Amino acid sequence: EEESMEKPEEACSSESSSPQQSPSSSPLTGARLKLRLARLHIEAEERSLERKLRHEIELKRLDADIRLRELELTLQSRKRDPATVRTVQPAED
């Protein structure tokens, strides 16, 4: 029994010529599949994070646009009626 066990290095070199092990069931193929799955999982997480960050940036851009428009309207109203001086509260973050 012990004689039939190969060292991992020998198993890798002889697995393609081994008739009793199909290529899809070899330990090396299993490891490659696990590695591929892990890479796909990481890539999916990266895409998800990128979408989230892009969404957050878009929200901040829209908030800045709104704040700018508020300031423009305040400036217009002050130009029309200089006696009305209203302080604009800073936007909350």
PDB file of N, CA and C in Angstrom:
ATOM      1  N   GLU A   1       0.816  -1.193   0.000  1.00  0.00           N
ATOM      2  CA  GLU A   1       0.000   0.000   0.000  1.00  0.00           C
ATOM      3  C   GLU A   1       0.857   1.253   0.000  1.00  0.00           C
ATOM      4  N   GLU A   2       1.858   1.310   0.865  1.00  0.00           N
ATOM      5  CA  GLU A   2       2.718   2.479   0.939  1.00  0.00           C
ATOM      6  C   GLU A   2       3.517   2.665  -0.343  1.00  0.00           C
ATOM      7  N   GLU A   3       3.842   1.578  -1.004  1.00  0.00           N
ATOM      8  CA  GLU A   3       4.621   1.673  -2.229  1.00  0.00           C
ATOM      9  C   GLU A   3       3.828   2.349  -3.351  1.00  0.00           C
ATOM     10  N   SER A   4       2.504   2.180  -3.325  1.00  0.00           N
ATOM     11  CA  SER A   4       1.697   2.755  -4.398  1.00  0.00           C
ATOM     12  C   SER A   4       1.475   4.257  -4.220  1.00  0.00           C
ATOM     13  N   MET A   5       1.733   4.788  -3.019  1.00  0.00           N
ATOM     14  CA  MET A   5       1.569   6.225  -2.790  1.00  0.00           C
ATOM     15  C   MET A   5       2.741   6.976  -3.408  1.00  0.00           C
ATOM     16  N   GLU A   6       2.439   8.007  -4.167  1.00  0.00           N
ATOM     17  CA  GLU A   6       3.475   8.799  -4.812  1.00  0.00           C
ATOM     18  C   GLU A   6       3.682  10.093  -4.043  1.00  0.00           C
ATOM     19  N   LYS A   7       4.834  10.670  -4.204  1.00  0.00           N
ATOM     20  CA  LYS A   7       5.079  11.996  -3.658  1.00  0.00           C
ATOM     21  C   LYS A   7       4.277  12.980  -4.500  1.00  0.00           C
ATOM     22  N   PRO A   8       3.874  14.135  -3.919  1.00  0.00           N
ATOM     23  CA  PRO A   8       3.087  15.106  -4.700  1.00  0.00           C
ATOM     24  C   PRO A   8       3.753  15.516  -6.000  1.00  0.00           C
ATOM     25  N   GLU A   9       5.077  15.678  -5.989  1.00  0.00           N
ATOM     26  CA  GLU A   9       5.759  16.081  -7.222  1.00  0.00           C
ATOM     27  C   GLU A   9       5.624  15.001  -8.287  1.00  0.00           C
ATOM     28  N   GLU A  10       5.742  13.748  -7.856  1.00  0.00           N
ATOM     29  CA  GLU A  10       5.631  12.646  -8.811  1.00  0.00           C
ATOM     30  C   GLU A  10       4.198  12.514  -9.310  1.00  0.00           C
ATOM     31  N   ALA A  11       3.240  12.760  -8.418  1.00  0.00           N
ATOM     32  CA  ALA A  11       1.837  12.646  -8.804  1.00  0.00           C
ATOM     33  C   ALA A  11       1.500  13.665  -9.886  1.00  0.00           C
ATOM     34  N   CYS A  12       2.026  14.856  -9.755  1.00  0.00           N
ATOM     35  CA  CYS A  12       1.756  15.896 -10.747  1.00  0.00           C
ATOM     36  C   CYS A  12       2.329  15.532 -12.103  1.00  0.00           C
ATOM     37  N   SER A  13       3.512  14.965 -12.096  1.00  0.00           N
ATOM     38  CA  SER A  13       4.147  14.666 -13.372  1.00  0.00           C
ATOM     39  C   SER A  13       3.539  13.447 -14.046  1.00  0.00           C
ATOM     40  N   SER A  14       2.962  12.549 -13.252  1.00  0.00           N
ATOM     41  CA  SER A  14       2.439  11.330 -13.855  1.00  0.00           C
ATOM     42  C   SER A  14       0.920  11.312 -13.944  1.00  0.00           C
ATOM     43  N   GLU A  15       0.247  12.382 -13.474  1.00  0.00           N
ATOM     44  CA  GLU A  15      -1.215  12.329 -13.452  1.00  0.00           C
ATOM     45  C   GLU A  15      -1.822  12.315 -14.848  1.00  0.00           C
ATOM     46  N   SER A  16      -1.170  12.927 -15.809  1.00  0.00           N
ATOM     47  CA  SER A  16      -1.739  12.935 -17.152  1.00  0.00           C
ATOM     48  C   SER A  16      -1.656  11.554 -17.802  1.00  0.00           C
ATOM     49  N   SER A  17      -0.702  10.747 -17.362  1.00  0.00           N
ATOM     50  CA  SER A  17      -0.574   9.417 -17.946  1.00  0.00           C
ATOM     51  C   SER A  17      -1.272   8.349 -17.109  1.00  0.00           C
ATOM     52  N   SER A  18      -1.847   8.752 -15.976  1.00  0.00           N
ATOM     53  CA  SER A  18      -2.515   7.803 -15.093  1.00  0.00           C
ATOM     54  C   SER A  18      -3.921   7.510 -15.615  1.00  0.00           C
ATOM     55  N   PRO A  19      -4.204   6.288 -16.015  1.00  0.00           N
ATOM     56  CA  PRO A  19      -5.514   5.981 -16.593  1.00  0.00           C
ATOM     57  C   PRO A  19      -6.638   5.938 -15.554  1.00  0.00           C
ATOM     58  N   GLN A  20      -6.345   5.642 -14.283  1.00  0.00           N
ATOM     59  CA  GLN A  20      -7.415   5.503 -13.298  1.00  0.00           C
ATOM     60  C   GLN A  20      -7.945   6.851 -12.800  1.00  0.00           C
ATOM     61  N   GLN A  21      -7.259   7.942 -13.051  1.00  0.00           N
ATOM     62  CA  GLN A  21      -7.724   9.256 -12.612  1.00  0.00           C
ATOM     63  C   GLN A  21      -8.126  10.082 -13.820  1.00  0.00           C
ATOM     64  N   SER A  22      -9.385  10.487 -13.835  1.00  0.00           N
ATOM     65  CA  SER A  22      -9.812  11.338 -14.946  1.00  0.00           C
ATOM     66  C   SER A  22      -9.306  12.753 -14.685  1.00  0.00           C
ATOM     67  N   PRO A  23      -9.059  13.522 -15.723  1.00  0.00           N
ATOM     68  CA  PRO A  23      -8.536  14.881 -15.550  1.00  0.00           C
ATOM     69  C   PRO A  23      -9.437  15.768 -14.693  1.00  0.00           C
ATOM     70  N   SER A  24     -10.750  15.557 -14.757  1.00  0.00           N
ATOM     71  CA  SER A  24     -11.658  16.418 -14.003  1.00  0.00           C
ATOM     72  C   SER A  24     -11.673  16.095 -12.514  1.00  0.00           C
ATOM     73  N   SER A  25     -11.143  14.957 -12.110  1.00  0.00           N
ATOM     74  CA  SER A  25     -11.189  14.604 -10.694  1.00  0.00           C
ATOM     75  C   SER A  25      -9.828  14.654 -10.022  1.00  0.00           C
ATOM     76  N   SER A  26      -8.814  15.123 -10.723  1.00  0.00           N
ATOM     77  CA  SER A  26      -7.479  15.153 -10.127  1.00  0.00           C
ATOM     78  C   SER A  26      -7.397  16.243  -9.062  1.00  0.00           C
ATOM     79  N   PRO A  27      -6.557  16.049  -8.064  1.00  0.00           N
ATOM     80  CA  PRO A  27      -6.399  17.073  -7.019  1.00  0.00           C
ATOM     81  C   PRO A  27      -5.932  18.415  -7.584  1.00  0.00           C
ATOM     82  N   LEU A  28      -5.098  18.368  -8.598  1.00  0.00           N
ATOM     83  CA  LEU A  28      -4.615  19.604  -9.203  1.00  0.00           C
ATOM     84  C   LEU A  28      -5.764  20.368  -9.859  1.00  0.00           C
ATOM     85  N   THR A  29      -6.639  19.654 -10.537  1.00  0.00           N
ATOM     86  CA  THR A  29      -7.793  20.305 -11.164  1.00  0.00           C
ATOM     87  C   THR A  29      -8.708  20.894 -10.101  1.00  0.00           C
ATOM     88  N   GLY A  30      -8.901  20.157  -9.015  1.00  0.00           N
ATOM     89  CA  GLY A  30      -9.718  20.668  -7.913  1.00  0.00           C
ATOM     90  C   GLY A  30      -9.134  21.940  -7.331  1.00  0.00           C
ATOM     91  N   ALA A  31      -7.827  21.967  -7.168  1.00  0.00           N
ATOM     92  CA  ALA A  31      -7.161  23.161  -6.639  1.00  0.00           C
ATOM     93  C   ALA A  31      -7.300  24.327  -7.610  1.00  0.00           C
ATOM     94  N   ARG A  32      -7.174  24.030  -8.905  1.00  0.00           N
ATOM     95  CA  ARG A  32      -7.327  25.093  -9.911  1.00  0.00           C
ATOM     96  C   ARG A  32      -8.747  25.652  -9.896  1.00  0.00           C
ATOM     97  N   LEU A  33      -9.729  24.770  -9.737  1.00  0.00           N
ATOM     98  CA  LEU A  33     -11.116  25.226  -9.685  1.00  0.00           C
ATOM     99  C   LEU A  33     -11.362  26.094  -8.455  1.00  0.00           C
ATOM    100  N   LYS A  34     -10.805  25.689  -7.318  1.00  0.00           N
ATOM    101  CA  LYS A  34     -10.952  26.490  -6.096  1.00  0.00           C
ATOM    102  C   LYS A  34     -10.296  27.854  -6.266  1.00  0.00           C
ATOM    103  N   LEU A  35      -9.130  27.869  -6.888  1.00  0.00           N
ATOM    104  CA  LEU A  35      -8.431  29.126  -7.132  1.00  0.00           C
ATOM    105  C   LEU A  35      -9.247  30.018  -8.063  1.00  0.00           C
ATOM    106  N   ARG A  36      -9.791  29.439  -9.110  1.00  0.00           N
ATOM    107  CA  ARG A  36     -10.611  30.200 -10.058  1.00  0.00           C
ATOM    108  C   ARG A  36     -11.850  30.760  -9.366  1.00  0.00           C
ATOM    109  N   LEU A  37     -12.486  29.943  -8.542  1.00  0.00           N
ATOM    110  CA  LEU A  37     -13.668  30.389  -7.809  1.00  0.00           C
ATOM    111  C   LEU A  37     -13.314  31.531  -6.860  1.00  0.00           C
ATOM    112  N   ALA A  38     -12.187  31.413  -6.179  1.00  0.00           N
ATOM    113  CA  ALA A  38     -11.746  32.479  -5.271  1.00  0.00           C
ATOM    114  C   ALA A  38     -11.488  33.769  -6.042  1.00  0.00           C
ATOM    115  N   ARG A  39     -10.853  33.655  -7.210  1.00  0.00           N
ATOM    116  CA  ARG A  39     -10.596  34.845  -8.030  1.00  0.00           C
ATOM    117  C   ARG A  39     -11.900  35.488  -8.496  1.00  0.00           C
ATOM    118  N   LEU A  40     -12.838  34.662  -8.926  1.00  0.00           N
ATOM    119  CA  LEU A  40     -14.135  35.191  -9.366  1.00  0.00           C
ATOM    120  C   LEU A  40     -14.854  35.893  -8.223  1.00  0.00           C
ATOM    121  N   HIS A  41     -14.763  35.313  -7.037  1.00  0.00           N
ATOM    122  CA  HIS A  41     -15.391  35.906  -5.859  1.00  0.00           C
ATOM    123  C   HIS A  41     -14.763  37.269  -5.550  1.00  0.00           C
ATOM    124  N   ILE A  42     -13.448  37.347  -5.597  1.00  0.00           N
ATOM    125  CA  ILE A  42     -12.748  38.610  -5.339  1.00  0.00           C
ATOM    126  C   ILE A  42     -13.126  39.645  -6.394  1.00  0.00           C
ATOM    127  N   GLU A  43     -13.173  39.228  -7.654  1.00  0.00           N
ATOM    128  CA  GLU A  43     -13.548  40.151  -8.731  1.00  0.00           C
ATOM    129  C   GLU A  43     -14.968  40.669  -8.533  1.00  0.00           C
ATOM    130  N   ALA A  44     -15.877  39.799  -8.107  1.00  0.00           N
ATOM    131  CA  ALA A  44     -17.257  40.220  -7.861  1.00  0.00           C
ATOM    132  C   ALA A  44     -17.313  41.231  -6.715  1.00  0.00           C
ATOM    133  N   GLU A  45     -16.538  40.983  -5.663  1.00  0.00           N
ATOM    134  CA  GLU A  45     -16.492  41.924  -4.541  1.00  0.00           C
ATOM    135  C   GLU A  45     -15.925  43.268  -4.985  1.00  0.00           C
ATOM    136  N   GLU A  46     -14.896  43.238  -5.825  1.00  0.00           N
ATOM    137  CA  GLU A  46     -14.306  44.481  -6.329  1.00  0.00           C
ATOM    138  C   GLU A  46     -15.315  45.265  -7.162  1.00  0.00           C
ATOM    139  N   ARG A  47     -16.064  44.559  -8.019  1.00  0.00           N
ATOM    140  CA  ARG A  47     -17.077  45.244  -8.837  1.00  0.00           C
ATOM    141  C   ARG A  47     -18.165  45.847  -7.955  1.00  0.00           C
ATOM    142  N   SER A  48     -18.568  45.107  -6.938  1.00  0.00           N
ATOM    143  CA  SER A  48     -19.591  45.599  -6.026  1.00  0.00           C
ATOM    144  C   SER A  48     -19.110  46.845  -5.285  1.00  0.00           C
ATOM    145  N   LEU A  49     -17.882  46.813  -4.807  1.00  0.00           N
ATOM    146  CA  LEU A  49     -17.317  47.966  -4.105  1.00  0.00           C
ATOM    147  C   LEU A  49     -17.198  49.160  -5.047  1.00  0.00           C
ATOM    148  N   GLU A  50     -16.776  48.900  -6.279  1.00  0.00           N
ATOM    149  CA  GLU A  50     -16.650  49.985  -7.252  1.00  0.00           C
ATOM    150  C   GLU A  50     -18.005  50.632  -7.524  1.00  0.00           C
ATOM    151  N   ARG A  51     -19.055  49.801  -7.678  1.00  0.00           N
ATOM    152  CA  ARG A  51     -20.407  50.347  -7.883  1.00  0.00           C
ATOM    153  C   ARG A  51     -20.830  51.199  -6.691  1.00  0.00           C
ATOM    154  N   LYS A  52     -20.556  50.695  -5.496  1.00  0.00           N
ATOM    155  CA  LYS A  52     -20.932  51.422  -4.278  1.00  0.00           C
ATOM    156  C   LYS A  52     -20.212  52.765  -4.210  1.00  0.00           C
ATOM    157  N   LEU A  53     -18.915  52.767  -4.491  1.00  0.00           N
ATOM    158  CA  LEU A  53     -18.148  54.010  -4.435  1.00  0.00           C
ATOM    159  C   LEU A  53     -18.592  54.994  -5.511  1.00  0.00           C
ATOM    160  N   ARG A  54     -18.887  54.478  -6.712  1.00  0.00           N
ATOM    161  CA  ARG A  54     -19.381  55.359  -7.778  1.00  0.00           C
ATOM    162  C   ARG A  54     -20.719  55.981  -7.380  1.00  0.00           C
ATOM    163  N   HIS A  55     -21.567  55.192  -6.743  1.00  0.00           N
ATOM    164  CA  HIS A  55     -22.865  55.686  -6.285  1.00  0.00           C
ATOM    165  C   HIS A  55     -22.670  56.782  -5.232  1.00  0.00           C
ATOM    166  N   GLU A  56     -21.767  56.544  -4.281  1.00  0.00           N
ATOM    167  CA  GLU A  56     -21.500  57.544  -3.243  1.00  0.00           C
ATOM    168  C   GLU A  56     -20.951  58.834  -3.848  1.00  0.00           C
ATOM    169  N   ILE A  57     -20.062  58.705  -4.824  1.00  0.00           N
ATOM    170  CA  ILE A  57     -19.516  59.892  -5.487  1.00  0.00           C
ATOM    171  C   ILE A  57     -20.626  60.648  -6.211  1.00  0.00           C
ATOM    172  N   GLU A  58     -21.512  59.925  -6.877  1.00  0.00           N
ATOM    173  CA  GLU A  58     -22.623  60.560  -7.585  1.00  0.00           C
ATOM    174  C   GLU A  58     -23.536  61.297  -6.606  1.00  0.00           C
ATOM    175  N   LEU A  59     -23.811  60.689  -5.452  1.00  0.00           N
ATOM    176  CA  LEU A  59     -24.639  61.363  -4.447  1.00  0.00           C
ATOM    177  C   LEU A  59     -23.966  62.640  -3.948  1.00  0.00           C
ATOM    178  N   LYS A  60     -22.662  62.575  -3.717  1.00  0.00           N
ATOM    179  CA  LYS A  60     -21.939  63.771  -3.268  1.00  0.00           C
ATOM    180  C   LYS A  60     -21.953  64.852  -4.344  1.00  0.00           C
ATOM    181  N   ARG A  61     -21.836  64.437  -5.604  1.00  0.00           N
ATOM    182  CA  ARG A  61     -21.886  65.406  -6.697  1.00  0.00           C
ATOM    183  C   ARG A  61     -23.257  66.082  -6.755  1.00  0.00           C
ATOM    184  N   LEU A  62     -24.308  65.280  -6.604  1.00  0.00           N
ATOM    185  CA  LEU A  62     -25.659  65.840  -6.615  1.00  0.00           C
ATOM    186  C   LEU A  62     -25.881  66.771  -5.424  1.00  0.00           C
ATOM    187  N   ASP A  63     -25.374  66.388  -4.247  1.00  0.00           N
ATOM    188  CA  ASP A  63     -25.473  67.256  -3.070  1.00  0.00           C
ATOM    189  C   ASP A  63     -24.755  68.584  -3.317  1.00  0.00           C
ATOM    190  N   ALA A  64     -23.588  68.513  -3.936  1.00  0.00           N
ATOM    191  CA  ALA A  64     -22.830  69.732  -4.240  1.00  0.00           C
ATOM    192  C   ALA A  64     -23.593  70.597  -5.244  1.00  0.00           C
ATOM    193  N   ASP A  65     -24.217  69.962  -6.241  1.00  0.00           N
ATOM    194  CA  ASP A  65     -25.013  70.711  -7.220  1.00  0.00           C
ATOM    195  C   ASP A  65     -26.176  71.427  -6.538  1.00  0.00           C
ATOM    196  N   ILE A  66     -26.829  70.735  -5.618  1.00  0.00           N
ATOM    197  CA  ILE A  66     -27.956  71.335  -4.891  1.00  0.00           C
ATOM    198  C   ILE A  66     -27.471  72.510  -4.047  1.00  0.00           C
ATOM    199  N   ARG A  67     -26.377  72.313  -3.355  1.00  0.00           N
ATOM    200  CA  ARG A  67     -25.818  73.376  -2.513  1.00  0.00           C
ATOM    201  C   ARG A  67     -25.439  74.591  -3.370  1.00  0.00           C
ATOM    202  N   LEU A  68     -24.834  74.340  -4.510  1.00  0.00           N
ATOM    203  CA  LEU A  68     -24.469  75.432  -5.413  1.00  0.00           C
ATOM    204  C   LEU A  68     -25.716  76.186  -5.874  1.00  0.00           C
ATOM    205  N   ARG A  69     -26.748  75.448  -6.230  1.00  0.00           N
ATOM    206  CA  ARG A  69     -27.998  76.089  -6.678  1.00  0.00           C
ATOM    207  C   ARG A  69     -28.619  76.910  -5.550  1.00  0.00           C
ATOM    208  N   GLU A  70     -28.569  76.383  -4.322  1.00  0.00           N
ATOM    209  CA  GLU A  70     -29.085  77.140  -3.176  1.00  0.00           C
ATOM    210  C   GLU A  70     -28.326  78.455  -3.014  1.00  0.00           C
ATOM    211  N   LEU A  71     -27.007  78.397  -3.152  1.00  0.00           N
ATOM    212  CA  LEU A  71     -26.197  79.610  -3.021  1.00  0.00           C
ATOM    213  C   LEU A  71     -26.488  80.597  -4.145  1.00  0.00           C
ATOM    214  N   GLU A  72     -26.680  80.078  -5.366  1.00  0.00           N
ATOM    215  CA  GLU A  72     -27.023  80.947  -6.494  1.00  0.00           C
ATOM    216  C   GLU A  72     -28.349  81.657  -6.245  1.00  0.00           C
ATOM    217  N   LEU A  73     -29.340  80.916  -5.756  1.00  0.00           N
ATOM    218  CA  LEU A  73     -30.650  81.515  -5.482  1.00  0.00           C
ATOM    219  C   LEU A  73     -30.558  82.544  -4.359  1.00  0.00           C
ATOM    220  N   THR A  74     -29.763  82.245  -3.354  1.00  0.00           N
ATOM    221  CA  THR A  74     -29.579  83.196  -2.255  1.00  0.00           C
ATOM    222  C   THR A  74     -28.937  84.479  -2.768  1.00  0.00           C
ATOM    223  N   LEU A  75     -27.930  84.328  -3.611  1.00  0.00           N
ATOM    224  CA  LEU A  75     -27.254  85.500  -4.179  1.00  0.00           C
ATOM    225  C   LEU A  75     -28.218  86.324  -5.031  1.00  0.00           C
ATOM    226  N   GLN A  76     -29.039  85.648  -5.828  1.00  0.00           N
ATOM    227  CA  GLN A  76     -30.020  86.356  -6.658  1.00  0.00           C
ATOM    228  C   GLN A  76     -31.007  87.133  -5.795  1.00  0.00           C
ATOM    229  N   SER A  77     -31.467  86.507  -4.727  1.00  0.00           N
ATOM    230  CA  SER A  77     -32.448  87.179  -3.869  1.00  0.00           C
ATOM    231  C   SER A  77     -31.815  88.373  -3.155  1.00  0.00           C
ATOM    232  N   ARG A  78     -30.542  88.284  -2.817  1.00  0.00           N
ATOM    233  CA  ARG A  78     -29.857  89.416  -2.172  1.00  0.00           C
ATOM    234  C   ARG A  78     -29.648  90.558  -3.158  1.00  0.00           C
ATOM    235  N   LYS A  79     -29.409  90.230  -4.416  1.00  0.00           N
ATOM    236  CA  LYS A  79     -29.227  91.272  -5.431  1.00  0.00           C
ATOM    237  C   LYS A  79     -30.535  92.017  -5.666  1.00  0.00           C
ATOM    238  N   ARG A  80     -31.648  91.270  -5.636  1.00  0.00           N
ATOM    239  CA  ARG A  80     -32.959  91.880  -5.849  1.00  0.00           C
ATOM    240  C   ARG A  80     -33.358  92.744  -4.660  1.00  0.00           C
ATOM    241  N   ASP A  81     -33.082  92.262  -3.442  1.00  0.00           N
ATOM    242  CA  ASP A  81     -33.486  92.972  -2.226  1.00  0.00           C
ATOM    243  C   ASP A  81     -32.294  93.029  -1.275  1.00  0.00           C
ATOM    244  N   PRO A  82     -31.396  93.987  -1.445  1.00  0.00           N
ATOM    245  CA  PRO A  82     -30.185  94.058  -0.620  1.00  0.00           C
ATOM    246  C   PRO A  82     -30.479  94.256   0.862  1.00  0.00           C
ATOM    247  N   ALA A  83     -31.646  94.769   1.207  1.00  0.00           N
ATOM    248  CA  ALA A  83     -31.984  94.974   2.619  1.00  0.00           C
ATOM    249  C   ALA A  83     -32.192  93.648   3.333  1.00  0.00           C
ATOM    250  N   THR A  84     -32.584  92.636   2.591  1.00  0.00           N
ATOM    251  CA  THR A  84     -32.804  91.318   3.188  1.00  0.00           C
ATOM    252  C   THR A  84     -31.490  90.559   3.180  1.00  0.00           C
ATOM    253  N   VAL A  85     -30.876  90.488   4.340  1.00  0.00           N
ATOM    254  CA  VAL A  85     -29.617  89.747   4.444  1.00  0.00           C
ATOM    255  C   VAL A  85     -29.898  88.519   5.292  1.00  0.00           C
ATOM    256  N   ARG A  86     -29.885  87.408   4.637  1.00  0.00           N
ATOM    257  CA  ARG A  86     -30.156  86.139   5.330  1.00  0.00           C
ATOM    258  C   ARG A  86     -28.894  85.297   5.260  1.00  0.00           C
ATOM    259  N   THR A  87     -28.470  84.798   6.391  1.00  0.00           N
ATOM    260  CA  THR A  87     -27.275  83.951   6.368  1.00  0.00           C
ATOM    261  C   THR A  87     -27.671  82.552   5.944  1.00  0.00           C
ATOM    262  N   VAL A  88     -26.835  81.968   5.141  1.00  0.00           N
ATOM    263  CA  VAL A  88     -27.076  80.608   4.654  1.00  0.00           C
ATOM    264  C   VAL A  88     -26.359  79.645   5.578  1.00  0.00           C
ATOM    265  N   GLN A  89     -27.111  78.696   6.082  1.00  0.00           N
ATOM    266  CA  GLN A  89     -26.518  77.692   6.965  1.00  0.00           C
ATOM    267  C   GLN A  89     -25.656  76.743   6.144  1.00  0.00           C
ATOM    268  N   PRO A  90     -24.487  76.355   6.684  1.00  0.00           N
ATOM    269  CA  PRO A  90     -23.662  75.373   5.952  1.00  0.00           C
ATOM    270  C   PRO A  90     -24.385  74.038   5.830  1.00  0.00           C
ATOM    271  N   ALA A  91     -24.163  73.398   4.726  1.00  0.00           N
ATOM    272  CA  ALA A  91     -24.799  72.093   4.489  1.00  0.00           C
ATOM    273  C   ALA A  91     -24.277  71.085   5.491  1.00  0.00           C
ATOM    274  N   GLU A  92     -25.187  70.222   5.949  1.00  0.00           N
ATOM    275  CA  GLU A  92     -24.788  69.168   6.883  1.00  0.00           C
ATOM    276  C   GLU A  92     -24.197  68.010   6.106  1.00  0.00           C
ATOM    277  N   ASP A  93     -23.134  67.420   6.645  1.00  0.00           N
ATOM    278  CA  ASP A  93     -22.491  66.279   5.979  1.00  0.00           C
ATOM    279  C   ASP A  93     -23.056  64.985   6.465  1.00  0.00           C
TER     280      ASP A  93
END
